[in-house]
Amino acid sequence: MPDSPLAASALPARAGLGLKPEHYRDIESTRPDVGFFEVHAENYMGAGGPPHRHLTDIAKHYPLSLHGVGLSIGGEGDLDPAHLKRLRHLVERYRPASFSEHLAWSTHDSTYLNDLLPLPYTEATLERVARHVDEAQQAVGQRLLLENPSTYVLFEESTIEETEFLARVAERSGCGLLLDVNNVMVSAVNHRLDPLAYLDRFPVGLVGEIHLAGYDEAVDGAGERLLIDAHGSPVSPDVVALYRHALGLTGPVATLIEWDNDVPEFGVLLAEAARADAMLAAEQRLRRPGAEAA
């Protein structure tokens, strides 16, 4: 567990959007009704310039979620102290309501890979990931939300089921979890698993944020359906249905619409956020005292 109290995620139970440079002007000129904006930490690690100017302005009006993609939490080597220092600077500069990273690795020695690679779920991996999560939290001074991955292969040496692995990392490190519902669907289809059963095993009491996205579909070498976590299209209908099931377990939780490739006009993203907001509001109404009787 952390050596000192850490700030937990404080995002509102609303739909949020990833902040894209293409939309800076739309956001600054119209101040849309969006619950929060999320940024990839690595895009704002420069000292200044237009990205920081726009983010500073937008952060005056909206909560921020800081989402890392380069920390390599699962890597065998030590975490990069320079990267941790840059993360700390961002957290101190913008005071994000949430800070998250991926259950993945992306480094080997001094080489940085442009991918988020899966891990075998073993006791040794568990110890390493929990240690790295705790180190990251202490370095930035904020509780980390660890995201479940989308995967395309399974490891024969894995001895721990993924949801149990995430729960045990959280127990050891004091972190929270980011539930990516699209990742659940992608992994479940690729490995011929039941996504509803996965969610029913998920430690939902630790979830501080949910992600939704669209996937691409292909066919693998055996002619079987293969899903790819592409983030370049509207949230797929089966992911929307799975999200509805997830909300029944978690209750209303801050939900990000991820759309990182083939970024559309801002109005398209607003429509996706409005759909998620409607589902969040419906879940909130269901949980009000006397809702069932009504």
C-alpha atoms as a PDB file:
ATOM      1  CA  MET A   1       0.000   0.000   0.000  1.00  0.00           C
ATOM      2  CA  PRO A   2       1.178   3.617  -0.530  1.00  0.00           C
ATOM      3  CA  ASP A   3       3.275   5.234   2.171  1.00  0.00           C
ATOM      4  CA  SER A   4       1.079   8.356   2.259  1.00  0.00           C
ATOM      5  CA  PRO A   5      -2.520   9.295   1.381  1.00  0.00           C
ATOM      6  CA  LEU A   6      -3.071   9.724  -2.338  1.00  0.00           C
ATOM      7  CA  ALA A   7      -5.751  11.731  -4.104  1.00  0.00           C
ATOM      8  CA  ALA A   8      -8.377   9.493  -5.713  1.00  0.00           C
ATOM      9  CA  SER A   9     -10.120  10.126  -9.018  1.00  0.00           C
ATOM     10  CA  ALA A  10     -12.579  13.013  -8.700  1.00  0.00           C
ATOM     11  CA  LEU A  11     -14.105  13.079 -12.174  1.00  0.00           C
ATOM     12  CA  PRO A  12     -17.850  13.751 -12.365  1.00  0.00           C
ATOM     13  CA  ALA A  13     -20.140  10.850 -13.313  1.00  0.00           C
ATOM     14  CA  ARG A  14     -20.533  12.318 -16.790  1.00  0.00           C
ATOM     15  CA  ALA A  15     -19.359  11.531 -20.289  1.00  0.00           C
ATOM     16  CA  GLY A  16     -16.008  13.010 -21.303  1.00  0.00           C
ATOM     17  CA  LEU A  17     -14.047  13.366 -24.526  1.00  0.00           C
ATOM     18  CA  GLY A  18     -10.432  13.026 -25.523  1.00  0.00           C
ATOM     19  CA  LEU A  19      -8.993  16.480 -26.189  1.00  0.00           C
ATOM     20  CA  LYS A  20      -7.745  16.769 -29.780  1.00  0.00           C
ATOM     21  CA  PRO A  21      -5.894  19.733 -31.320  1.00  0.00           C
ATOM     22  CA  GLU A  22      -8.432  19.750 -34.170  1.00  0.00           C
ATOM     23  CA  HIS A  23     -11.109  20.734 -31.659  1.00  0.00           C
ATOM     24  CA  TYR A  24      -9.340  23.344 -29.514  1.00  0.00           C
ATOM     25  CA  ARG A  25     -11.140  26.232 -31.227  1.00  0.00           C
ATOM     26  CA  ASP A  26     -14.567  24.570 -31.098  1.00  0.00           C
ATOM     27  CA  ILE A  27     -14.224  23.980 -27.370  1.00  0.00           C
ATOM     28  CA  GLU A  28     -12.861  27.424 -26.561  1.00  0.00           C
ATOM     29  CA  SER A  29     -15.488  29.239 -28.599  1.00  0.00           C
ATOM     30  CA  THR A  30     -18.601  27.234 -27.616  1.00  0.00           C
ATOM     31  CA  ARG A  31     -17.822  25.820 -24.130  1.00  0.00           C
ATOM     32  CA  PRO A  32     -19.802  22.613 -24.846  1.00  0.00           C
ATOM     33  CA  ASP A  33     -21.643  20.732 -22.105  1.00  0.00           C
ATOM     34  CA  VAL A  34     -19.042  17.992 -21.598  1.00  0.00           C
ATOM     35  CA  GLY A  35     -18.272  16.361 -18.264  1.00  0.00           C
ATOM     36  CA  PHE A  36     -14.474  16.381 -18.639  1.00  0.00           C
ATOM     37  CA  PHE A  37     -11.631  16.183 -21.133  1.00  0.00           C
ATOM     38  CA  GLU A  38      -8.892  13.566 -21.188  1.00  0.00           C
ATOM     39  CA  VAL A  39      -5.376  14.104 -22.550  1.00  0.00           C
ATOM     40  CA  HIS A  40      -2.527  11.723 -23.242  1.00  0.00           C
ATOM     41  CA  ALA A  41       0.222  12.798 -20.896  1.00  0.00           C
ATOM     42  CA  GLU A  42       3.002  12.321 -23.434  1.00  0.00           C
ATOM     43  CA  ASN A  43       1.447  14.914 -25.768  1.00  0.00           C
ATOM     44  CA  TYR A  44       1.957  17.640 -23.147  1.00  0.00           C
ATOM     45  CA  MET A  45       5.458  16.930 -21.877  1.00  0.00           C
ATOM     46  CA  GLY A  46       7.013  19.833 -23.744  1.00  0.00           C
ATOM     47  CA  ALA A  47       7.842  22.996 -21.851  1.00  0.00           C
ATOM     48  CA  GLY A  48       5.337  25.259 -23.586  1.00  0.00           C
ATOM     49  CA  GLY A  49       3.850  26.237 -26.917  1.00  0.00           C
ATOM     50  CA  PRO A  50       0.314  26.096 -28.324  1.00  0.00           C
ATOM     51  CA  PRO A  51      -0.649  22.728 -26.744  1.00  0.00           C
ATOM     52  CA  HIS A  52      -0.092  24.095 -23.250  1.00  0.00           C
ATOM     53  CA  ARG A  53      -1.717  27.418 -24.079  1.00  0.00           C
ATOM     54  CA  HIS A  54      -4.908  25.690 -25.194  1.00  0.00           C
ATOM     55  CA  LEU A  55      -4.889  23.116 -22.406  1.00  0.00           C
ATOM     56  CA  THR A  56      -4.413  25.841 -19.780  1.00  0.00           C
ATOM     57  CA  ASP A  57      -7.457  27.670 -21.098  1.00  0.00           C
ATOM     58  CA  ILE A  58      -9.635  24.541 -21.315  1.00  0.00           C
ATOM     59  CA  ALA A  59      -8.554  23.368 -17.856  1.00  0.00           C
ATOM     60  CA  LYS A  60     -10.067  26.554 -16.377  1.00  0.00           C
ATOM     61  CA  HIS A  61     -13.525  25.341 -17.407  1.00  0.00           C
ATOM     62  CA  TYR A  62     -13.433  21.523 -17.316  1.00  0.00           C
ATOM     63  CA  PRO A  63     -12.042  18.744 -15.109  1.00  0.00           C
ATOM     64  CA  LEU A  64      -9.078  16.959 -16.693  1.00  0.00           C
ATOM     65  CA  SER A  65      -8.135  13.308 -16.850  1.00  0.00           C
ATOM     66  CA  LEU A  66      -4.443  12.582 -17.474  1.00  0.00           C
ATOM     67  CA  HIS A  67      -3.992   9.296 -19.331  1.00  0.00           C
ATOM     68  CA  GLY A  68      -0.484   7.920 -19.777  1.00  0.00           C
ATOM     69  CA  VAL A  69       0.579   5.603 -22.590  1.00  0.00           C
ATOM     70  CA  GLY A  70       4.353   5.418 -22.130  1.00  0.00           C
ATOM     71  CA  LEU A  71       5.137   4.518 -18.532  1.00  0.00           C
ATOM     72  CA  SER A  72       5.542   0.778 -19.286  1.00  0.00           C
ATOM     73  CA  ILE A  73       4.082  -0.325 -15.957  1.00  0.00           C
ATOM     74  CA  GLY A  74       4.645  -3.992 -16.837  1.00  0.00           C
ATOM     75  CA  GLY A  75       8.186  -3.639 -18.158  1.00  0.00           C
ATOM     76  CA  GLU A  76      10.925  -5.785 -16.640  1.00  0.00           C
ATOM     77  CA  GLY A  77      13.249  -2.837 -16.181  1.00  0.00           C
ATOM     78  CA  ASP A  78      12.925   0.067 -13.772  1.00  0.00           C
ATOM     79  CA  LEU A  79      10.509   2.884 -14.500  1.00  0.00           C
ATOM     80  CA  ASP A  80      12.153   5.809 -16.263  1.00  0.00           C
ATOM     81  CA  PRO A  81      12.835   8.481 -13.597  1.00  0.00           C
ATOM     82  CA  ALA A  82      12.862  11.246 -16.215  1.00  0.00           C
ATOM     83  CA  HIS A  83       9.424  10.152 -17.437  1.00  0.00           C
ATOM     84  CA  LEU A  84       8.129  10.087 -13.864  1.00  0.00           C
ATOM     85  CA  LYS A  85       9.514  13.580 -13.311  1.00  0.00           C
ATOM     86  CA  ARG A  86       7.690  14.861 -16.396  1.00  0.00           C
ATOM     87  CA  LEU A  87       4.458  13.221 -15.193  1.00  0.00           C
ATOM     88  CA  ARG A  88       4.881  14.844 -11.795  1.00  0.00           C
ATOM     89  CA  HIS A  89       5.326  18.231 -13.439  1.00  0.00           C
ATOM     90  CA  LEU A  90       2.108  17.765 -15.455  1.00  0.00           C
ATOM     91  CA  VAL A  91       0.153  16.732 -12.368  1.00  0.00           C
ATOM     92  CA  GLU A  92       1.416  19.735 -10.424  1.00  0.00           C
ATOM     93  CA  ARG A  93       0.710  22.084 -13.337  1.00  0.00           C
ATOM     94  CA  TYR A  94      -2.833  20.955 -14.147  1.00  0.00           C
ATOM     95  CA  ARG A  95      -4.059  19.149 -11.004  1.00  0.00           C
ATOM     96  CA  PRO A  96      -6.011  16.542 -13.004  1.00  0.00           C
ATOM     97  CA  ALA A  97      -9.045  14.944 -11.436  1.00  0.00           C
ATOM     98  CA  SER A  98      -7.801  11.545 -12.591  1.00  0.00           C
ATOM     99  CA  PHE A  99      -4.487   9.912 -13.546  1.00  0.00           C
ATOM    100  CA  SER A 100      -4.390   6.563 -15.361  1.00  0.00           C
ATOM    101  CA  GLU A 101      -2.071   4.159 -17.154  1.00  0.00           C
ATOM    102  CA  HIS A 102      -2.191   0.796 -18.936  1.00  0.00           C
ATOM    103  CA  LEU A 103      -1.531  -2.718 -17.723  1.00  0.00           C
ATOM    104  CA  ALA A 104       1.079  -3.289 -20.422  1.00  0.00           C
ATOM    105  CA  TRP A 105       4.751  -2.918 -21.281  1.00  0.00           C
ATOM    106  CA  SER A 106       6.347  -0.885 -24.058  1.00  0.00           C
ATOM    107  CA  THR A 107      10.091  -0.759 -23.285  1.00  0.00           C
ATOM    108  CA  HIS A 108      13.077  -3.075 -23.535  1.00  0.00           C
ATOM    109  CA  ASP A 109      16.343  -1.814 -22.087  1.00  0.00           C
ATOM    110  CA  SER A 110      16.631   1.673 -23.636  1.00  0.00           C
ATOM    111  CA  THR A 111      14.279   0.931 -26.544  1.00  0.00           C
ATOM    112  CA  TYR A 112      10.761   2.379 -26.555  1.00  0.00           C
ATOM    113  CA  LEU A 113       8.203   0.451 -28.580  1.00  0.00           C
ATOM    114  CA  ASN A 114       5.219   2.106 -30.243  1.00  0.00           C
ATOM    115  CA  ASP A 115       2.762  -0.397 -28.804  1.00  0.00           C
ATOM    116  CA  LEU A 116       1.115  -1.539 -25.582  1.00  0.00           C
ATOM    117  CA  LEU A 117       2.143  -5.170 -25.215  1.00  0.00           C
ATOM    118  CA  PRO A 118       0.462  -7.837 -23.043  1.00  0.00           C
ATOM    119  CA  LEU A 119       1.854  -9.578 -19.985  1.00  0.00           C
ATOM    120  CA  PRO A 120       1.757 -13.106 -18.605  1.00  0.00           C
ATOM    121  CA  TYR A 121      -0.294 -13.142 -15.410  1.00  0.00           C
ATOM    122  CA  THR A 122       2.072 -14.781 -12.936  1.00  0.00           C
ATOM    123  CA  GLU A 123       3.121 -14.134  -9.355  1.00  0.00           C
ATOM    124  CA  ALA A 124       6.387 -12.603 -10.564  1.00  0.00           C
ATOM    125  CA  THR A 125       4.553 -10.235 -12.919  1.00  0.00           C
ATOM    126  CA  LEU A 126       2.101  -9.341 -10.175  1.00  0.00           C
ATOM    127  CA  GLU A 127       4.915  -8.371  -7.822  1.00  0.00           C
ATOM    128  CA  ARG A 128       6.618  -6.256 -10.488  1.00  0.00           C
ATOM    129  CA  VAL A 129       3.459  -4.463 -11.662  1.00  0.00           C
ATOM    130  CA  ALA A 130       2.337  -3.679  -8.103  1.00  0.00           C
ATOM    131  CA  ARG A 131       5.783  -2.309  -7.291  1.00  0.00           C
ATOM    132  CA  HIS A 132       5.809  -0.132 -10.395  1.00  0.00           C
ATOM    133  CA  VAL A 133       2.282   1.145  -9.772  1.00  0.00           C
ATOM    134  CA  ASP A 134       3.204   2.125  -6.221  1.00  0.00           C
ATOM    135  CA  GLU A 135       6.385   3.818  -7.440  1.00  0.00           C
ATOM    136  CA  ALA A 136       4.435   5.808 -10.032  1.00  0.00           C
ATOM    137  CA  GLN A 137       1.826   6.883  -7.489  1.00  0.00           C
ATOM    138  CA  GLN A 138       4.448   8.048  -5.009  1.00  0.00           C
ATOM    139  CA  ALA A 139       6.340   9.883  -7.763  1.00  0.00           C
ATOM    140  CA  VAL A 140       3.341  11.882  -9.013  1.00  0.00           C
ATOM    141  CA  GLY A 141       1.520  12.151  -5.676  1.00  0.00           C
ATOM    142  CA  GLN A 142      -1.812  10.882  -6.991  1.00  0.00           C
ATOM    143  CA  ARG A 143      -3.650   7.570  -7.062  1.00  0.00           C
ATOM    144  CA  LEU A 144      -3.309   5.752 -10.372  1.00  0.00           C
ATOM    145  CA  LEU A 145      -6.148   4.031 -12.222  1.00  0.00           C
ATOM    146  CA  LEU A 146      -4.834   0.904 -13.978  1.00  0.00           C
ATOM    147  CA  GLU A 147      -6.557   0.006 -17.263  1.00  0.00           C
ATOM    148  CA  ASN A 148      -7.420  -3.530 -18.341  1.00  0.00           C
ATOM    149  CA  PRO A 149      -5.817  -4.303 -21.711  1.00  0.00           C
ATOM    150  CA  SER A 150      -7.075  -5.394 -25.105  1.00  0.00           C
ATOM    151  CA  THR A 151      -5.167  -8.550 -26.075  1.00  0.00           C
ATOM    152  CA  TYR A 152      -4.632 -10.745 -29.097  1.00  0.00           C
ATOM    153  CA  VAL A 153      -2.580 -13.554 -27.537  1.00  0.00           C
ATOM    154  CA  LEU A 154      -2.673 -15.511 -24.284  1.00  0.00           C
ATOM    155  CA  PHE A 155       0.366 -16.817 -22.399  1.00  0.00           C
ATOM    156  CA  GLU A 156       0.661 -20.488 -21.482  1.00  0.00           C
ATOM    157  CA  GLU A 157       2.560 -19.513 -18.326  1.00  0.00           C
ATOM    158  CA  SER A 158      -0.282 -17.365 -16.973  1.00  0.00           C
ATOM    159  CA  THR A 159      -1.564 -18.742 -13.668  1.00  0.00           C
ATOM    160  CA  ILE A 160      -3.841 -15.872 -12.582  1.00  0.00           C
ATOM    161  CA  GLU A 161      -7.087 -14.816 -14.247  1.00  0.00           C
ATOM    162  CA  GLU A 162      -7.001 -11.187 -15.474  1.00  0.00           C
ATOM    163  CA  THR A 163      -9.690  -9.801 -13.173  1.00  0.00           C
ATOM    164  CA  GLU A 164      -8.041 -11.440 -10.160  1.00  0.00           C
ATOM    165  CA  PHE A 165      -4.671 -10.063 -11.271  1.00  0.00           C
ATOM    166  CA  LEU A 166      -6.062  -6.521 -11.423  1.00  0.00           C
ATOM    167  CA  ALA A 167      -7.727  -6.896  -8.029  1.00  0.00           C
ATOM    168  CA  ARG A 168      -4.506  -8.129  -6.441  1.00  0.00           C
ATOM    169  CA  VAL A 169      -2.427  -5.319  -7.966  1.00  0.00           C
ATOM    170  CA  ALA A 170      -4.907  -2.839  -6.514  1.00  0.00           C
ATOM    171  CA  GLU A 171      -4.816  -4.548  -3.122  1.00  0.00           C
ATOM    172  CA  ARG A 172      -1.011  -4.396  -2.981  1.00  0.00           C
ATOM    173  CA  SER A 173      -0.530  -0.904  -4.400  1.00  0.00           C
ATOM    174  CA  GLY A 174      -3.662   0.962  -3.353  1.00  0.00           C
ATOM    175  CA  CYS A 175      -4.413   1.928  -6.955  1.00  0.00           C
ATOM    176  CA  GLY A 176      -7.830   2.102  -8.557  1.00  0.00           C
ATOM    177  CA  LEU A 177      -8.952   0.659 -11.880  1.00  0.00           C
ATOM    178  CA  LEU A 178      -9.986   2.027 -15.248  1.00  0.00           C
ATOM    179  CA  LEU A 179     -12.518  -0.299 -16.865  1.00  0.00           C
ATOM    180  CA  ASP A 180     -12.187  -0.169 -20.645  1.00  0.00           C
ATOM    181  CA  VAL A 181     -15.381  -1.832 -21.881  1.00  0.00           C
ATOM    182  CA  ASN A 182     -14.200  -1.873 -25.490  1.00  0.00           C
ATOM    183  CA  ASN A 183     -11.061  -3.730 -24.385  1.00  0.00           C
ATOM    184  CA  VAL A 184     -13.259  -6.282 -22.628  1.00  0.00           C
ATOM    185  CA  MET A 185     -15.189  -6.909 -25.852  1.00  0.00           C
ATOM    186  CA  VAL A 186     -12.056  -7.064 -28.010  1.00  0.00           C
ATOM    187  CA  SER A 187     -10.277  -9.536 -25.734  1.00  0.00           C
ATOM    188  CA  ALA A 188     -13.388 -11.649 -25.151  1.00  0.00           C
ATOM    189  CA  VAL A 189     -14.102 -12.097 -28.857  1.00  0.00           C
ATOM    190  CA  ASN A 190     -10.457 -12.751 -29.706  1.00  0.00           C
ATOM    191  CA  HIS A 191     -10.103 -15.415 -27.002  1.00  0.00           C
ATOM    192  CA  ARG A 192     -13.635 -16.869 -27.314  1.00  0.00           C
ATOM    193  CA  LEU A 193     -14.621 -15.755 -23.804  1.00  0.00           C
ATOM    194  CA  ASP A 194     -17.875 -14.405 -22.343  1.00  0.00           C
ATOM    195  CA  PRO A 195     -17.597 -10.607 -21.874  1.00  0.00           C
ATOM    196  CA  LEU A 196     -20.551 -10.519 -19.459  1.00  0.00           C
ATOM    197  CA  ALA A 197     -18.936 -13.145 -17.254  1.00  0.00           C
ATOM    198  CA  TYR A 198     -15.697 -11.137 -17.319  1.00  0.00           C
ATOM    199  CA  LEU A 199     -17.528  -8.026 -16.125  1.00  0.00           C
ATOM    200  CA  ASP A 200     -19.305 -10.002 -13.415  1.00  0.00           C
ATOM    201  CA  ARG A 201     -15.870 -11.000 -12.045  1.00  0.00           C
ATOM    202  CA  PHE A 202     -14.389  -7.502 -12.356  1.00  0.00           C
ATOM    203  CA  PRO A 203     -13.610  -5.704  -9.057  1.00  0.00           C
ATOM    204  CA  VAL A 204     -16.119  -2.962  -9.836  1.00  0.00           C
ATOM    205  CA  GLY A 205     -15.777  -1.253  -6.466  1.00  0.00           C
ATOM    206  CA  LEU A 206     -12.334  -0.037  -7.582  1.00  0.00           C
ATOM    207  CA  VAL A 207     -13.449   1.516 -10.875  1.00  0.00           C
ATOM    208  CA  GLY A 208     -12.829   5.262 -11.074  1.00  0.00           C
ATOM    209  CA  GLU A 209     -13.343   5.708 -14.811  1.00  0.00           C
ATOM    210  CA  ILE A 210     -14.736   3.811 -17.808  1.00  0.00           C
ATOM    211  CA  HIS A 211     -13.567   3.962 -21.428  1.00  0.00           C
ATOM    212  CA  LEU A 212     -15.676   3.355 -24.542  1.00  0.00           C
ATOM    213  CA  ALA A 213     -14.468   3.163 -28.126  1.00  0.00           C
ATOM    214  CA  GLY A 214     -15.066   1.642 -31.514  1.00  0.00           C
ATOM    215  CA  TYR A 215     -13.205  -1.391 -32.834  1.00  0.00           C
ATOM    216  CA  ASP A 216     -12.228  -2.655 -36.278  1.00  0.00           C
ATOM    217  CA  GLU A 217     -13.047  -6.197 -37.341  1.00  0.00           C
ATOM    218  CA  ALA A 218     -10.988  -8.675 -39.352  1.00  0.00           C
ATOM    219  CA  VAL A 219     -10.577 -12.430 -39.745  1.00  0.00           C
ATOM    220  CA  ASP A 220      -7.652 -14.364 -38.282  1.00  0.00           C
ATOM    221  CA  GLY A 221      -5.654 -17.149 -39.931  1.00  0.00           C
ATOM    222  CA  ALA A 222      -8.215 -19.740 -38.847  1.00  0.00           C
ATOM    223  CA  GLY A 223     -11.086 -17.791 -40.356  1.00  0.00           C
ATOM    224  CA  GLU A 224     -12.338 -16.681 -36.943  1.00  0.00           C
ATOM    225  CA  ARG A 225     -13.586 -13.227 -36.043  1.00  0.00           C
ATOM    226  CA  LEU A 226     -10.778 -10.908 -34.862  1.00  0.00           C
ATOM    227  CA  LEU A 227     -11.392  -7.523 -33.227  1.00  0.00           C
ATOM    228  CA  ILE A 228      -8.817  -4.722 -33.231  1.00  0.00           C
ATOM    229  CA  ASP A 229      -8.809  -1.927 -30.652  1.00  0.00           C
ATOM    230  CA  ALA A 230      -8.709   0.843 -33.260  1.00  0.00           C
ATOM    231  CA  HIS A 231     -10.305   3.950 -31.646  1.00  0.00           C
ATOM    232  CA  GLY A 232     -11.360   5.267 -35.036  1.00  0.00           C
ATOM    233  CA  SER A 233     -15.140   4.878 -35.201  1.00  0.00           C
ATOM    234  CA  PRO A 234     -18.331   5.246 -33.144  1.00  0.00           C
ATOM    235  CA  VAL A 235     -18.771   2.995 -30.125  1.00  0.00           C
ATOM    236  CA  SER A 236     -19.989  -0.358 -31.459  1.00  0.00           C
ATOM    237  CA  PRO A 237     -23.550  -1.444 -30.565  1.00  0.00           C
ATOM    238  CA  ASP A 238     -22.359  -4.563 -28.725  1.00  0.00           C
ATOM    239  CA  VAL A 239     -19.975  -2.408 -26.672  1.00  0.00           C
ATOM    240  CA  VAL A 240     -22.858  -0.060 -25.850  1.00  0.00           C
ATOM    241  CA  ALA A 241     -24.868  -3.051 -24.598  1.00  0.00           C
ATOM    242  CA  LEU A 242     -21.894  -4.254 -22.556  1.00  0.00           C
ATOM    243  CA  TYR A 243     -21.502  -0.738 -21.121  1.00  0.00           C
ATOM    244  CA  ARG A 244     -25.117  -0.821 -19.985  1.00  0.00           C
ATOM    245  CA  HIS A 245     -24.372  -4.061 -18.122  1.00  0.00           C
ATOM    246  CA  ALA A 246     -21.218  -2.528 -16.622  1.00  0.00           C
ATOM    247  CA  LEU A 247     -23.134   0.481 -15.316  1.00  0.00           C
ATOM    248  CA  GLY A 248     -25.518  -1.889 -13.560  1.00  0.00           C
ATOM    249  CA  LEU A 249     -22.492  -3.175 -11.650  1.00  0.00           C
ATOM    250  CA  THR A 250     -20.481   0.012 -11.084  1.00  0.00           C
ATOM    251  CA  GLY A 251     -23.237   2.597 -10.894  1.00  0.00           C
ATOM    252  CA  PRO A 252     -22.716   5.926 -12.712  1.00  0.00           C
ATOM    253  CA  VAL A 253     -18.979   6.427 -13.337  1.00  0.00           C
ATOM    254  CA  ALA A 254     -17.090   9.001 -15.410  1.00  0.00           C
ATOM    255  CA  THR A 255     -17.030   7.640 -18.954  1.00  0.00           C
ATOM    256  CA  LEU A 256     -14.637   8.627 -21.730  1.00  0.00           C
ATOM    257  CA  ILE A 257     -15.397   8.373 -25.437  1.00  0.00           C
ATOM    258  CA  GLU A 258     -12.041   7.398 -26.990  1.00  0.00           C
ATOM    259  CA  TRP A 259     -11.608   8.410 -30.637  1.00  0.00           C
ATOM    260  CA  ASP A 260      -7.917   8.782 -31.465  1.00  0.00           C
ATOM    261  CA  ASN A 261      -7.724   7.900 -35.171  1.00  0.00           C
ATOM    262  CA  ASP A 262      -9.639   9.334 -38.141  1.00  0.00           C
ATOM    263  CA  VAL A 263     -10.832  12.034 -35.749  1.00  0.00           C
ATOM    264  CA  PRO A 264     -14.245  13.352 -36.883  1.00  0.00           C
ATOM    265  CA  GLU A 265     -15.853  16.757 -36.553  1.00  0.00           C
ATOM    266  CA  PHE A 266     -16.463  17.790 -32.973  1.00  0.00           C
ATOM    267  CA  GLY A 267     -20.223  17.407 -33.285  1.00  0.00           C
ATOM    268  CA  VAL A 268     -19.825  13.684 -33.927  1.00  0.00           C
ATOM    269  CA  LEU A 269     -17.974  13.278 -30.643  1.00  0.00           C
ATOM    270  CA  LEU A 270     -20.562  15.381 -28.828  1.00  0.00           C
ATOM    271  CA  ALA A 271     -23.277  13.025 -30.051  1.00  0.00           C
ATOM    272  CA  GLU A 272     -21.347  10.020 -28.720  1.00  0.00           C
ATOM    273  CA  ALA A 273     -20.920  11.769 -25.369  1.00  0.00           C
ATOM    274  CA  ALA A 274     -24.621  12.649 -25.240  1.00  0.00           C
ATOM    275  CA  ARG A 275     -25.539   8.988 -25.703  1.00  0.00           C
ATOM    276  CA  ALA A 276     -23.296   7.966 -22.816  1.00  0.00           C
ATOM    277  CA  ASP A 277     -24.630  10.817 -20.672  1.00  0.00           C
ATOM    278  CA  ALA A 278     -28.183   9.596 -21.270  1.00  0.00           C
ATOM    279  CA  MET A 279     -27.228   6.102 -20.117  1.00  0.00           C
ATOM    280  CA  LEU A 280     -25.486   7.487 -17.048  1.00  0.00           C
ATOM    281  CA  ALA A 281     -28.537   9.567 -16.174  1.00  0.00           C
ATOM    282  CA  ALA A 282     -30.815   6.555 -16.615  1.00  0.00           C
ATOM    283  CA  GLU A 283     -28.663   4.496 -14.265  1.00  0.00           C
ATOM    284  CA  GLN A 284     -28.701   7.331 -11.754  1.00  0.00           C
ATOM    285  CA  ARG A 285     -32.507   7.425 -11.849  1.00  0.00           C
ATOM    286  CA  LEU A 286     -32.694   3.666 -11.297  1.00  0.00           C
ATOM    287  CA  ARG A 287     -30.618   4.023  -8.149  1.00  0.00           C
ATOM    288  CA  ARG A 288     -32.716   6.734  -6.532  1.00  0.00           C
ATOM    289  CA  PRO A 289     -34.709   5.606  -3.482  1.00  0.00           C
ATOM    290  CA  GLY A 290     -38.101   4.296  -4.511  1.00  0.00           C
ATOM    291  CA  ALA A 291     -37.147   4.095  -8.206  1.00  0.00           C
ATOM    292  CA  GLU A 292     -38.265   0.463  -8.556  1.00  0.00           C
ATOM    293  CA  ALA A 293     -41.541   1.109  -6.821  1.00  0.00           C
ATOM    294  CA  ALA A 294     -42.209   4.000  -9.183  1.00  0.00           C
END
